[in-house]
Structures are given as structure tokens and as C-alpha cells.
Amino acid sequence: MKRRGLGTLVLLATLSVIGVVLTQMLWLDRAFRLQNDQLTLQRQQQVQLDKQFSDRVTIALTDVTEQILSINKDPSDLFDAVVEERPNYFAVTINDTLHPYLLEALLMKEFQRRGIQEDFEYGIYDCFTDSIVYGNYVGMDSVTTDSTHTDLQKLDKDGHYFGVYFPRRSSALWSPAPASRSTWIYPAIVTLIVFIFFAYSVWTIARQKRLSEMKNDFIGNMTHELKTPISTIALSSEVLGDPAIVHEPERLRTYAGIIRSENERLRAQVERVLQLTTLEDGNARMKRDRVDMHTLIGEVSRSFDLVLKERDGELRSDLQASDAVVSGDRVHLSNALHNLVDNAVKYSPAAPTIELGTKNDGRWLHIQVRDHGIGIGRQDQRHIFERFYRVHTGNVHDVKGFGLGLHYVRQIAEAHGGRITVHSEPGHGSTFILELPLA
């Protein structure tokens, strides 16, 4: 898929997800408001029913009070004798003691007359003991089986009074509050998960596309790298196929040397790919020998003498480490150093100046490879150790490679318990630091 097509696909998918999220948010908000409106309406209806019930109970208890005064032949007039102390708990002031059976009979009569069919409890306050001394549970419905007695609490009132409580009746004051937006946390979490999954999918697609592009670049570079020596070997073979060349021994040796050199170049390229494949599969067998890195650095440096001489360059060594012996695989460590120096030479225009240095940091050996070449941009430094990744070199188009060298170095460093880091600025060169634990 082309970059433009992928961008269009990601844009359309993003707009679709945003549209779904916004639609869900609007529906959730609408449902939230509708539920709140319904709960508010139910609450208002319940409050109205509670008020009607309270009024009927107040009237019934007022009639009971008047009957008690009449029975006791008490001429006094009790003003506001009935008070609702708590939801469904009424207190009635009286002037004298009262027999409980009489009170129960009067209450049942008046409640039935007023259409009040709720079970109730009643208790009579005793001034002498300062407590509710008698209470009983009255089931207005004959099928009522629950007659559990609930203790009626004494009220902060002076004088004689009796209390009536309706335990089975709920009040709007204790009903659930309107729904809060926390009710919609679960749908919001589901939406968030969908969005995260979408973002991860887009990231995965972009990453796979980048890997595909790098792999295509690798295939192109590898094809070019292999095609050149193959063509050279083919031409040299045709020359050697001429019978007259046996009379030109110098020319014969030249073309034979070309074939041998190009064959070695092919072998090195294939070996590098095979080594990296082995490391990726985890099947590489790392030897654990004592390796003097100063000696290894000297060998690697000498292998670049001819290349540096041809380009009028130089390689300087500053080996300050007092202990440079590590435990590892000599061949792989040599290849890692060779890759670092080779990169420094390839990405240094004109006459390259390469600096190799070592130092100790506790139980670690730091090997520094520094060049004064084109440098690496900050955006590329995060990816240069990835497989197949190659830095765009601007005007430098003759740098060959597969994008495997630095990835191989990182694999070797990590296999030895170390790491590789880079410090670079475009136009001011690069410094690679290979850190390895001492033996």
C-alpha cells in the first residue's frame, strides 16, 4: 500500500472512530438525562403520595386524640397534638396515661375508616420511667406473617404522649438519588478500550509498513551488492576462458585475483546475513573465552590500513583502560568492532579521521569509536539499531550496506551482557560507545 493510500485509510478510520465515540457520548448523555427526569418524576410522585398519607394519618390520629379526651372527660383542647417526628413516625400528645388496648382499638378503627392499610407499631411513653413502656406490632392485613417488634425510640418530648410508626412504608426522603454520570463508567471504559485498540492497530499497521519498506530497501541493496561481484566474476571468467590468456601470465594472475577478491566479498556478505539470522533465532553459540580487547582493537585497526591509506585517512588509538579483558566470543566481538569502524569510514567524506579509545568504569569496559563524518539526526538515532534501517545520507549516495551492521552490533553487545549507545549531531560526526562487562 502506498503512503498516500495508508494515510487516507488511517484518516477515514480515525474519523469513523471519532464519530462512533461522539455518537455514543450523545446517546449516553441523552439516556442519562432521560433517566434523571424519570427518577425526578417518580420522586415527586412519591413525595406527593407521602404527603397524602401523612395528612390522612394526621387526621386519623387527631380523631383518636379527641376520642381519648372524650373518654377521659377532659375538657382541654390540645393544639397541634399530632407531629410527624421522622418519616412515618408520628408522636401524639395526651394529658394523661392511657390503656394500651384502648389505644390499639381506637387506632385500628380510625385507620380502617380512613383507608390506611399499613402495618404499624405503637408505644406509650411513661413519665415515671422516662421510657416507652409498651409497644405492639399491629398487622392490618390478615396475611401478614412478619410481626417482628421494632423498638420505638423515646422522643425528646415532655409530658404524656404515644408514638405510632409504620415500619413497612418507605419514604421518598430515603429513596435513591437521581443517577449520577458515574453510572456510565462501564460504557466509557468499553469505548476507551475500543479507541486504544484502534490506536494500537494503526500503530501496528504503520510499523509493519515501515518494516516492509526497510525490508524492500534491504532486498534492493542486497541485490545490488550481490549483482556487482557476480557480474565482475562473470566478466573475469570470460576473459580467463580465452585460450590466448595462457601466454599472458600477469594478466591471468590479475583476473584470477579479481575472481578471488569478489568471491571473498560475496562470502562476507552472505556470512553477515547468516550470522544475524542465527542471532535472531537465538541459536548462536557464544564462546566464553578471555578476550583482550586491546589486542582485538589492534587487529581490527590493521585491517583498515589499506582502506584508510587509499583515502588519505588515519585511525588514532587512545587505549586508557587498565583492564581490557572481557569474557566472550572473540569472533563476534571482532565483527562488532569491525562494523563500527567500517561505518565510521563509510560515513566520513573526504579523508576520514577515526578515533578508537577505551576506559574503565567500575566493572565495565567502554570502547569508543568516533568519527568526524556526516553525523546522525536525532530522529534517526532511535532507529539506527533496528534491522534493515539505514540513515538517509543526503548528498552521499555511494554508501553501500544492508542496514544490518549496527543491529548486529547491538545483538552481540546484549548477548555479552552489555549495550551500545550513540551520541551524534548532523555535520559533527558520531560517537559509538560499546559497553562490556569485564571478565
Protein backbone atom coordinates (compact mmCIF):
# COMPACT_ATOMS: atom_id res chain seq x y z
CA MET A 1 0.00 0.00 0.00
CA LYS A 2 1.32 3.44 -0.91
CA ARG A 3 1.94 6.05 1.78
CA ARG A 4 -0.85 8.27 0.48
CA GLY A 5 -3.33 5.38 0.47
CA LEU A 6 -2.36 4.40 4.02
CA GLY A 7 -2.75 7.99 5.18
CA THR A 8 -6.21 8.20 3.65
CA LEU A 9 -7.20 4.89 5.25
CA VAL A 10 -5.95 5.99 8.68
CA LEU A 11 -7.74 9.35 8.33
CA LEU A 12 -11.07 7.73 7.40
CA ALA A 13 -10.75 5.14 10.17
CA THR A 14 -9.92 7.89 12.70
CA LEU A 15 -12.93 9.95 11.62
CA SER A 16 -15.12 6.83 11.90
CA VAL A 17 -13.94 6.09 15.43
CA ILE A 18 -14.37 9.72 16.48
CA GLY A 19 -17.88 9.68 15.00
CA VAL A 20 -18.76 6.49 16.89
CA VAL A 21 -17.37 7.90 20.14
CA LEU A 22 -19.25 11.20 19.75
CA THR A 23 -22.48 9.38 18.86
CA GLN A 24 -22.15 7.14 21.90
CA MET A 25 -21.43 10.12 24.13
CA LEU A 26 -24.54 11.91 22.84
CA TRP A 27 -26.71 8.83 23.36
CA LEU A 28 -25.27 8.27 26.83
CA ASP A 29 -25.91 11.89 27.76
CA ARG A 30 -29.46 11.66 26.42
CA ALA A 31 -30.10 8.42 28.32
CA PHE A 32 -28.62 9.98 31.45
CA ARG A 33 -30.91 12.98 31.21
CA LEU A 34 -33.95 10.78 30.46
CA GLN A 35 -33.25 8.53 33.44
CA ASN A 36 -32.76 11.53 35.71
CA ASP A 37 -36.03 13.00 34.50
CA GLN A 38 -37.84 9.72 35.19
CA LEU A 39 -36.31 9.40 38.65
CA THR A 40 -37.14 13.01 39.43
CA LEU A 41 -40.75 12.48 38.32
CA GLN A 42 -41.02 9.29 40.39
CA ARG A 43 -39.55 11.09 43.36
CA GLN A 44 -42.05 13.94 43.01
CA GLN A 45 -44.93 11.45 42.75
CA GLN A 46 -43.67 9.60 45.81
CA VAL A 47 -43.37 12.85 47.77
CA GLN A 48 -46.95 13.71 46.85
CA LEU A 49 -48.16 10.26 47.92
CA ASP A 50 -46.20 10.56 51.16
CA LYS A 51 -47.81 13.91 51.87
CA GLN A 52 -51.28 12.49 51.24
CA PHE A 53 -50.54 9.54 53.52
CA SER A 54 -49.15 11.84 56.21
CA ASP A 55 -52.25 14.03 56.03
CA ARG A 56 -54.57 11.04 56.38
CA VAL A 57 -52.59 9.67 59.33
CA THR A 58 -52.57 13.10 60.99
CA ILE A 59 -56.35 13.40 60.62
CA ALA A 60 -56.86 9.87 61.94
CA LEU A 61 -54.59 10.46 64.96
CA THR A 62 -56.32 13.79 65.63
CA ASP A 63 -59.66 11.99 65.76
CA VAL A 64 -58.11 9.39 68.09
CA THR A 65 -56.88 12.19 70.36
CA GLU A 66 -60.37 13.77 70.50
CA GLN A 67 -61.90 10.39 71.34
CA ILE A 68 -59.36 9.88 74.15
CA LEU A 69 -60.17 13.32 75.60
CA SER A 70 -63.88 12.49 75.36
CA ILE A 71 -63.43 9.13 77.11
CA ASN A 72 -61.33 10.75 79.86
CA LYS A 73 -63.87 13.61 80.08
CA ASP A 74 -61.03 16.05 79.60
CA PRO A 75 -62.41 19.44 78.52
CA SER A 76 -58.99 20.78 77.39
CA ASP A 77 -58.24 21.36 73.73
CA LEU A 78 -54.83 20.08 72.50
CA PHE A 79 -53.47 22.31 69.77
CA ASP A 80 -51.22 20.57 67.16
CA ALA A 81 -51.16 17.40 69.21
CA VAL A 82 -50.02 15.28 66.23
CA VAL A 83 -46.44 15.81 64.97
CA GLU A 84 -44.52 13.74 62.40
CA GLU A 85 -41.16 13.49 64.15
CA ARG A 86 -39.47 11.38 61.47
CA PRO A 87 -40.59 9.87 58.16
CA ASN A 88 -43.52 7.56 59.02
CA TYR A 89 -43.11 8.13 62.81
CA PHE A 90 -45.85 10.19 64.47
CA ALA A 91 -45.99 11.43 68.08
CA VAL A 92 -49.34 12.38 69.69
CA THR A 93 -49.50 14.49 72.87
CA ILE A 94 -52.08 13.47 75.54
CA ASN A 95 -52.78 14.80 79.06
CA ASP A 96 -52.96 11.55 80.98
CA THR A 97 -51.98 7.91 80.93
CA LEU A 98 -53.74 5.64 78.55
CA HIS A 99 -54.53 1.93 78.49
CA PRO A 100 -52.72 0.28 75.53
CA TYR A 101 -55.60 -1.96 74.46
CA LEU A 102 -57.90 1.03 74.26
CA LEU A 103 -55.32 2.91 72.19
CA GLU A 104 -54.86 -0.05 69.82
CA ALA A 105 -58.59 -0.39 69.28
CA LEU A 106 -59.02 3.32 68.58
CA LEU A 107 -56.08 3.34 66.16
CA MET A 108 -57.29 0.33 64.20
CA LYS A 109 -60.81 1.78 63.98
CA GLU A 110 -59.67 5.18 62.69
CA PHE A 111 -57.05 3.75 60.28
CA GLN A 112 -59.64 1.44 58.74
CA ARG A 113 -62.13 4.29 58.47
CA ARG A 114 -59.51 6.45 56.71
CA GLY A 115 -58.41 3.64 54.37
CA ILE A 116 -54.97 3.29 55.95
CA GLN A 117 -54.00 -0.38 55.49
CA GLU A 118 -50.35 -0.12 56.54
CA ASP A 119 -48.99 -2.26 59.39
CA PHE A 120 -47.96 -0.11 62.34
CA GLU A 121 -46.32 -0.19 65.72
CA TYR A 122 -47.30 1.92 68.68
CA GLY A 123 -45.85 2.70 72.07
CA ILE A 124 -46.91 4.75 75.13
CA TYR A 125 -44.47 6.99 76.95
CA ASP A 126 -44.29 6.62 80.75
CA CYS A 127 -43.24 9.84 82.55
CA PHE A 128 -42.23 7.96 85.70
CA THR A 129 -39.71 5.63 84.00
CA ASP A 130 -38.91 8.08 81.19
CA SER A 131 -39.22 5.39 78.52
CA ILE A 132 -41.59 3.76 76.06
CA VAL A 133 -43.01 1.07 78.33
CA TYR A 134 -45.33 -0.66 75.95
CA GLY A 135 -45.32 -1.34 72.27
CA ASN A 136 -47.04 -3.69 69.92
CA TYR A 137 -46.92 -4.58 66.23
CA VAL A 138 -50.31 -4.49 64.51
CA GLY A 139 -50.82 -6.16 61.13
CA MET A 140 -53.68 -4.54 59.26
CA ASP A 141 -53.67 -7.33 56.67
CA SER A 142 -54.69 -10.77 57.85
CA VAL A 143 -52.00 -12.41 55.64
CA THR A 144 -49.21 -10.53 57.39
CA THR A 145 -46.78 -13.02 58.87
CA ASP A 146 -43.95 -10.74 59.93
CA SER A 147 -44.75 -9.46 63.43
CA THR A 148 -41.22 -8.61 64.45
CA HIS A 149 -41.29 -5.92 67.10
CA THR A 150 -39.18 -2.88 66.40
CA ASP A 151 -38.28 -0.86 69.47
CA LEU A 152 -39.72 2.62 69.27
CA GLN A 153 -37.19 5.21 70.29
CA LYS A 154 -38.06 7.73 73.00
CA LEU A 155 -38.52 11.25 71.69
CA ASP A 156 -37.29 14.48 73.23
CA LYS A 157 -40.72 15.49 74.50
CA ASP A 158 -42.11 16.41 77.88
CA GLY A 159 -45.41 15.08 79.21
CA HIS A 160 -47.54 12.14 78.16
CA TYR A 161 -47.57 11.02 74.54
CA PHE A 162 -47.80 7.93 72.40
CA GLY A 163 -45.95 7.13 69.18
CA VAL A 164 -47.08 5.39 66.00
CA TYR A 165 -44.60 4.04 63.44
CA PHE A 166 -45.23 2.46 60.02
CA PRO A 167 -42.21 0.11 59.52
CA ARG A 168 -43.21 -1.32 56.13
CA ARG A 169 -43.64 2.00 54.40
CA SER A 170 -40.73 3.65 52.52
CA SER A 171 -40.32 7.39 52.27
CA ALA A 172 -39.24 9.49 49.33
CA LEU A 173 -36.72 11.10 51.67
CA TRP A 174 -34.88 7.77 51.73
CA SER A 175 -35.34 6.87 48.05
CA PRO A 176 -32.31 6.66 45.72
CA ALA A 177 -30.94 9.93 44.45
CA PRO A 178 -31.06 10.66 40.73
CA ALA A 179 -28.50 8.74 38.71
CA SER A 180 -25.05 10.24 38.50
CA ARG A 181 -22.78 10.17 35.48
CA SER A 182 -20.70 7.52 37.22
CA THR A 183 -23.41 5.10 36.07
CA TRP A 184 -21.93 5.35 32.61
CA ILE A 185 -18.37 4.49 33.61
CA TYR A 186 -18.66 0.99 32.13
CA PRO A 187 -19.71 2.18 28.62
CA ALA A 188 -16.98 4.82 28.79
CA ILE A 189 -14.39 2.16 29.65
CA VAL A 190 -15.58 0.00 26.75
CA THR A 191 -15.30 2.99 24.41
CA LEU A 192 -11.81 3.73 25.70
CA ILE A 193 -10.75 0.12 25.11
CA VAL A 194 -12.08 0.30 21.55
CA PHE A 195 -10.18 3.55 20.96
CA ILE A 196 -6.96 2.10 22.40
CA PHE A 197 -7.34 -0.99 20.24
CA PHE A 198 -7.86 1.23 17.19
CA ALA A 199 -4.78 3.32 18.03
CA TYR A 200 -2.72 0.17 18.54
CA SER A 201 -3.96 -1.21 15.21
CA VAL A 202 -2.97 1.99 13.41
CA TRP A 203 0.43 1.94 15.11
CA THR A 204 0.92 -1.71 14.14
CA ILE A 205 -0.05 -1.03 10.53
CA ALA A 206 2.34 1.93 10.34
CA ARG A 207 5.13 -0.11 11.93
CA GLN A 208 4.57 -3.05 9.60
CA LYS A 209 4.56 -0.67 6.64
CA ARG A 210 7.86 0.84 7.77
CA LEU A 211 9.35 -2.63 8.27
CA SER A 212 8.10 -3.62 4.83
CA GLU A 213 9.74 -0.55 3.29
CA MET A 214 13.00 -1.25 5.09
CA LYS A 215 12.88 -4.90 4.02
CA ASN A 216 12.31 -3.82 0.41
CA ASP A 217 15.28 -1.47 0.70
CA PHE A 218 17.32 -4.33 2.13
CA ILE A 219 16.36 -6.61 -0.75
CA GLY A 220 17.25 -3.87 -3.23
CA ASN A 221 20.59 -3.17 -1.56
CA MET A 222 21.41 -6.85 -1.22
CA THR A 223 20.51 -7.49 -4.87
CA HIS A 224 22.83 -4.66 -5.89
CA GLU A 225 25.62 -5.82 -3.57
CA LEU A 226 25.41 -9.37 -4.88
CA LYS A 227 24.88 -8.44 -8.52
CA THR A 228 28.05 -6.36 -8.77
CA PRO A 229 30.55 -9.08 -7.74
CA ILE A 230 28.63 -11.69 -9.74
CA SER A 231 28.92 -9.52 -12.86
CA THR A 232 32.62 -8.94 -12.18
CA ILE A 233 33.24 -12.68 -11.72
CA ALA A 234 31.32 -13.42 -14.93
CA LEU A 235 33.40 -10.96 -16.96
CA SER A 236 36.65 -12.22 -15.45
CA SER A 237 35.63 -15.80 -16.20
CA GLU A 238 35.01 -14.91 -19.85
CA VAL A 239 38.46 -13.37 -20.05
CA LEU A 240 40.04 -16.45 -18.49
CA GLY A 241 38.13 -18.58 -20.97
CA ASP A 242 40.19 -17.08 -23.80
CA PRO A 243 42.92 -19.66 -24.73
CA ALA A 244 45.35 -16.87 -25.58
CA ILE A 245 45.48 -15.67 -21.99
CA VAL A 246 47.85 -18.50 -21.06
CA HIS A 247 50.54 -16.55 -22.87
CA GLU A 248 49.89 -13.51 -20.58
CA PRO A 249 50.61 -14.79 -17.05
CA GLU A 250 50.47 -11.33 -15.47
CA ARG A 251 47.02 -10.68 -16.88
CA LEU A 252 45.97 -14.20 -15.84
CA ARG A 253 47.01 -13.55 -12.24
CA THR A 254 45.18 -10.20 -12.25
CA TYR A 255 41.84 -11.68 -13.29
CA ALA A 256 42.28 -14.67 -11.02
CA GLY A 257 42.86 -12.23 -8.15
CA ILE A 258 39.71 -10.32 -9.12
CA ILE A 259 37.65 -13.51 -9.02
CA ARG A 260 39.13 -14.47 -5.65
CA SER A 261 38.52 -10.97 -4.22
CA GLU A 262 34.93 -10.79 -5.46
CA ASN A 263 34.25 -14.30 -4.23
CA GLU A 264 35.51 -13.31 -0.78
CA ARG A 265 33.26 -10.26 -0.91
CA LEU A 266 30.26 -12.45 -1.70
CA ARG A 267 31.15 -14.85 1.09
CA ALA A 268 31.46 -12.00 3.61
CA GLN A 269 28.06 -10.56 2.64
CA VAL A 270 26.30 -13.92 2.88
CA GLU A 271 28.09 -14.71 6.16
CA ARG A 272 26.93 -11.44 7.66
CA VAL A 273 23.30 -12.18 6.82
CA LEU A 274 23.58 -15.75 8.12
CA GLN A 275 25.20 -14.60 11.37
CA LEU A 276 22.43 -12.11 12.02
CA THR A 277 19.75 -14.72 11.22
CA THR A 278 21.36 -17.09 13.70
CA LEU A 279 21.36 -14.38 16.38
CA GLU A 280 17.69 -13.55 15.71
CA ASP A 281 16.72 -17.21 16.09
CA GLY A 282 18.62 -17.48 19.37
CA ASN A 283 20.67 -20.41 18.09
CA ALA A 284 24.03 -18.67 18.11
CA ARG A 285 26.66 -20.43 20.19
CA MET A 286 28.64 -17.83 22.07
CA LYS A 287 32.04 -18.96 23.28
CA ARG A 288 33.16 -17.65 26.64
CA ASP A 289 36.88 -17.08 26.36
CA ARG A 290 39.05 -14.41 27.96
CA VAL A 291 39.46 -11.81 25.22
CA ASP A 292 41.88 -8.89 25.47
CA MET A 293 40.00 -6.12 23.69
CA HIS A 294 43.17 -4.02 23.26
CA THR A 295 44.69 -6.82 21.20
CA LEU A 296 41.44 -7.19 19.25
CA ILE A 297 41.28 -3.43 18.61
CA GLY A 298 44.82 -3.57 17.21
CA GLU A 299 43.89 -6.38 14.81
CA VAL A 300 40.76 -4.58 13.61
CA SER A 301 42.69 -1.33 13.16
CA ARG A 302 45.33 -3.00 10.98
CA SER A 303 42.61 -4.48 8.75
CA PHE A 304 41.65 -0.93 7.73
CA ASP A 305 45.18 0.26 6.93
CA LEU A 306 44.79 -0.20 3.17
CA VAL A 307 41.33 1.44 3.01
CA LEU A 308 42.46 4.45 5.04
CA LYS A 309 45.67 4.77 3.01
CA GLU A 310 43.69 4.90 -0.24
CA ARG A 311 41.52 7.73 1.18
CA ASP A 312 44.38 9.58 2.92
CA GLY A 313 42.74 8.91 6.28
CA GLU A 314 44.08 7.83 9.63
CA LEU A 315 42.96 5.84 12.68
CA ARG A 316 44.10 7.04 16.11
CA SER A 317 44.06 4.87 19.22
CA ASP A 318 43.83 6.10 22.81
CA LEU A 319 43.65 2.94 24.94
CA GLN A 320 43.42 4.21 28.52
CA ALA A 321 41.71 1.19 30.13
CA SER A 322 43.95 -0.54 32.67
CA ASP A 323 41.84 -3.71 32.38
CA ALA A 324 40.54 -4.63 28.93
CA VAL A 325 39.87 -8.36 29.34
CA VAL A 326 36.29 -9.47 28.82
CA SER A 327 34.62 -12.87 28.72
CA GLY A 328 33.08 -13.50 25.32
CA ASP A 329 33.25 -14.76 21.77
CA ARG A 330 36.33 -13.42 20.03
CA VAL A 331 34.93 -13.78 16.51
CA HIS A 332 31.65 -11.98 17.23
CA LEU A 333 33.37 -9.22 19.22
CA SER A 334 35.82 -8.72 16.35
CA ASN A 335 32.94 -8.50 13.87
CA ALA A 336 31.14 -5.95 16.08
CA LEU A 337 34.24 -3.72 16.26
CA HIS A 338 34.80 -4.14 12.54
CA ASN A 339 31.23 -2.99 11.81
CA LEU A 340 31.62 0.12 13.99
CA VAL A 341 34.92 1.14 12.36
CA ASP A 342 33.58 0.29 8.88
CA ASN A 343 30.56 2.58 9.44
CA ALA A 344 32.84 5.35 10.68
CA VAL A 345 34.91 5.07 7.49
CA LYS A 346 31.94 4.80 5.11
CA TYR A 347 30.09 7.81 6.53
CA SER A 348 33.16 10.06 6.66
CA PRO A 349 33.50 12.11 3.45
CA ALA A 350 36.96 13.06 2.13
CA ALA A 351 39.87 11.90 4.31
CA PRO A 352 38.38 10.11 7.33
CA THR A 353 39.82 10.50 10.82
CA ILE A 354 38.72 7.71 13.13
CA GLU A 355 39.43 7.70 16.88
CA LEU A 356 39.38 4.50 18.93
CA GLY A 357 39.54 4.74 22.71
CA THR A 358 38.95 2.66 25.82
CA LYS A 359 38.44 3.37 29.52
CA ASN A 360 37.27 1.58 32.63
CA ASP A 361 34.14 2.48 34.56
CA GLY A 362 33.93 0.25 37.61
CA ARG A 363 33.49 -3.30 36.36
CA TRP A 364 32.79 -2.12 32.83
CA LEU A 365 34.94 -1.56 29.75
CA HIS A 366 33.90 1.33 27.48
CA ILE A 367 35.08 1.15 23.86
CA GLN A 368 34.59 4.39 21.95
CA VAL A 369 34.56 4.70 18.15
CA ARG A 370 34.44 8.32 16.99
CA ASP A 371 34.36 9.83 13.50
CA HIS A 372 34.08 13.33 12.09
CA GLY A 373 31.65 12.45 9.35
CA ILE A 374 28.14 13.47 8.35
CA GLY A 375 26.56 12.62 11.73
CA ILE A 376 23.11 11.25 12.52
CA GLY A 377 19.91 13.22 13.13
CA ARG A 378 18.07 12.86 16.41
CA GLN A 379 15.03 11.32 14.69
CA ASP A 380 17.24 8.59 13.19
CA GLN A 381 19.19 7.78 16.36
CA ARG A 382 16.18 5.94 17.81
CA HIS A 383 16.09 3.55 14.83
CA ILE A 384 19.67 3.00 13.66
CA PHE A 385 19.99 -0.22 15.71
CA GLU A 386 16.87 -1.71 14.13
CA ARG A 387 17.16 -4.37 11.47
CA PHE A 388 17.25 -3.10 7.86
CA TYR A 389 17.19 0.56 8.94
CA ARG A 390 19.50 2.89 7.02
CA VAL A 391 20.02 6.60 7.59
CA HIS A 392 19.31 8.82 4.62
CA THR A 393 22.71 10.25 3.68
CA GLY A 394 21.58 13.34 1.80
CA ASN A 395 24.07 14.05 -0.99
CA VAL A 396 26.17 11.00 -0.21
CA HIS A 397 24.79 8.26 -2.48
CA ASP A 398 27.75 5.86 -2.66
CA VAL A 399 27.43 4.35 0.82
CA LYS A 400 26.72 0.64 0.49
CA GLY A 401 25.18 -1.65 3.05
CA PHE A 402 22.17 -3.71 4.11
CA GLY A 403 21.19 -1.87 7.27
CA LEU A 404 22.31 -4.85 9.36
CA GLY A 405 25.65 -3.75 10.78
CA LEU A 406 24.52 -1.74 13.81
CA HIS A 407 21.70 -4.19 14.51
CA TYR A 408 24.32 -6.95 14.61
CA VAL A 409 26.47 -4.88 16.99
CA ARG A 410 23.55 -4.40 19.38
CA GLN A 411 22.74 -8.12 19.29
CA ILE A 412 26.35 -9.01 20.12
CA ALA A 413 26.54 -6.40 22.90
CA GLU A 414 23.34 -7.66 24.54
CA ALA A 415 24.44 -11.31 24.14
CA HIS A 416 27.56 -10.41 26.18
CA GLY A 417 25.54 -8.56 28.84
CA GLY A 418 26.48 -5.12 27.54
CA ARG A 419 24.97 -2.39 25.42
CA ILE A 420 25.71 0.05 22.59
CA THR A 421 24.90 3.79 22.65
CA VAL A 422 25.41 6.67 20.24
CA HIS A 423 25.99 10.41 20.53
CA SER A 424 25.80 12.36 17.31
CA GLU A 425 24.93 15.67 15.66
CA PRO A 426 24.45 16.19 11.92
CA GLY A 427 27.63 17.62 10.40
CA HIS A 428 29.72 17.00 13.55
CA GLY A 429 30.31 13.27 13.39
CA SER A 430 29.20 10.37 15.57
CA THR A 431 30.49 8.59 18.66
CA PHE A 432 29.51 4.99 19.34
CA ILE A 433 30.21 3.56 22.80
CA LEU A 434 30.30 -0.21 23.25
CA GLU A 435 30.00 -1.16 26.93
CA LEU A 436 31.04 -4.66 28.01
CA PRO A 437 31.38 -6.21 31.49
CA LEU A 438 34.94 -7.10 32.48
CA ALA A 439 35.89 -10.74 32.91
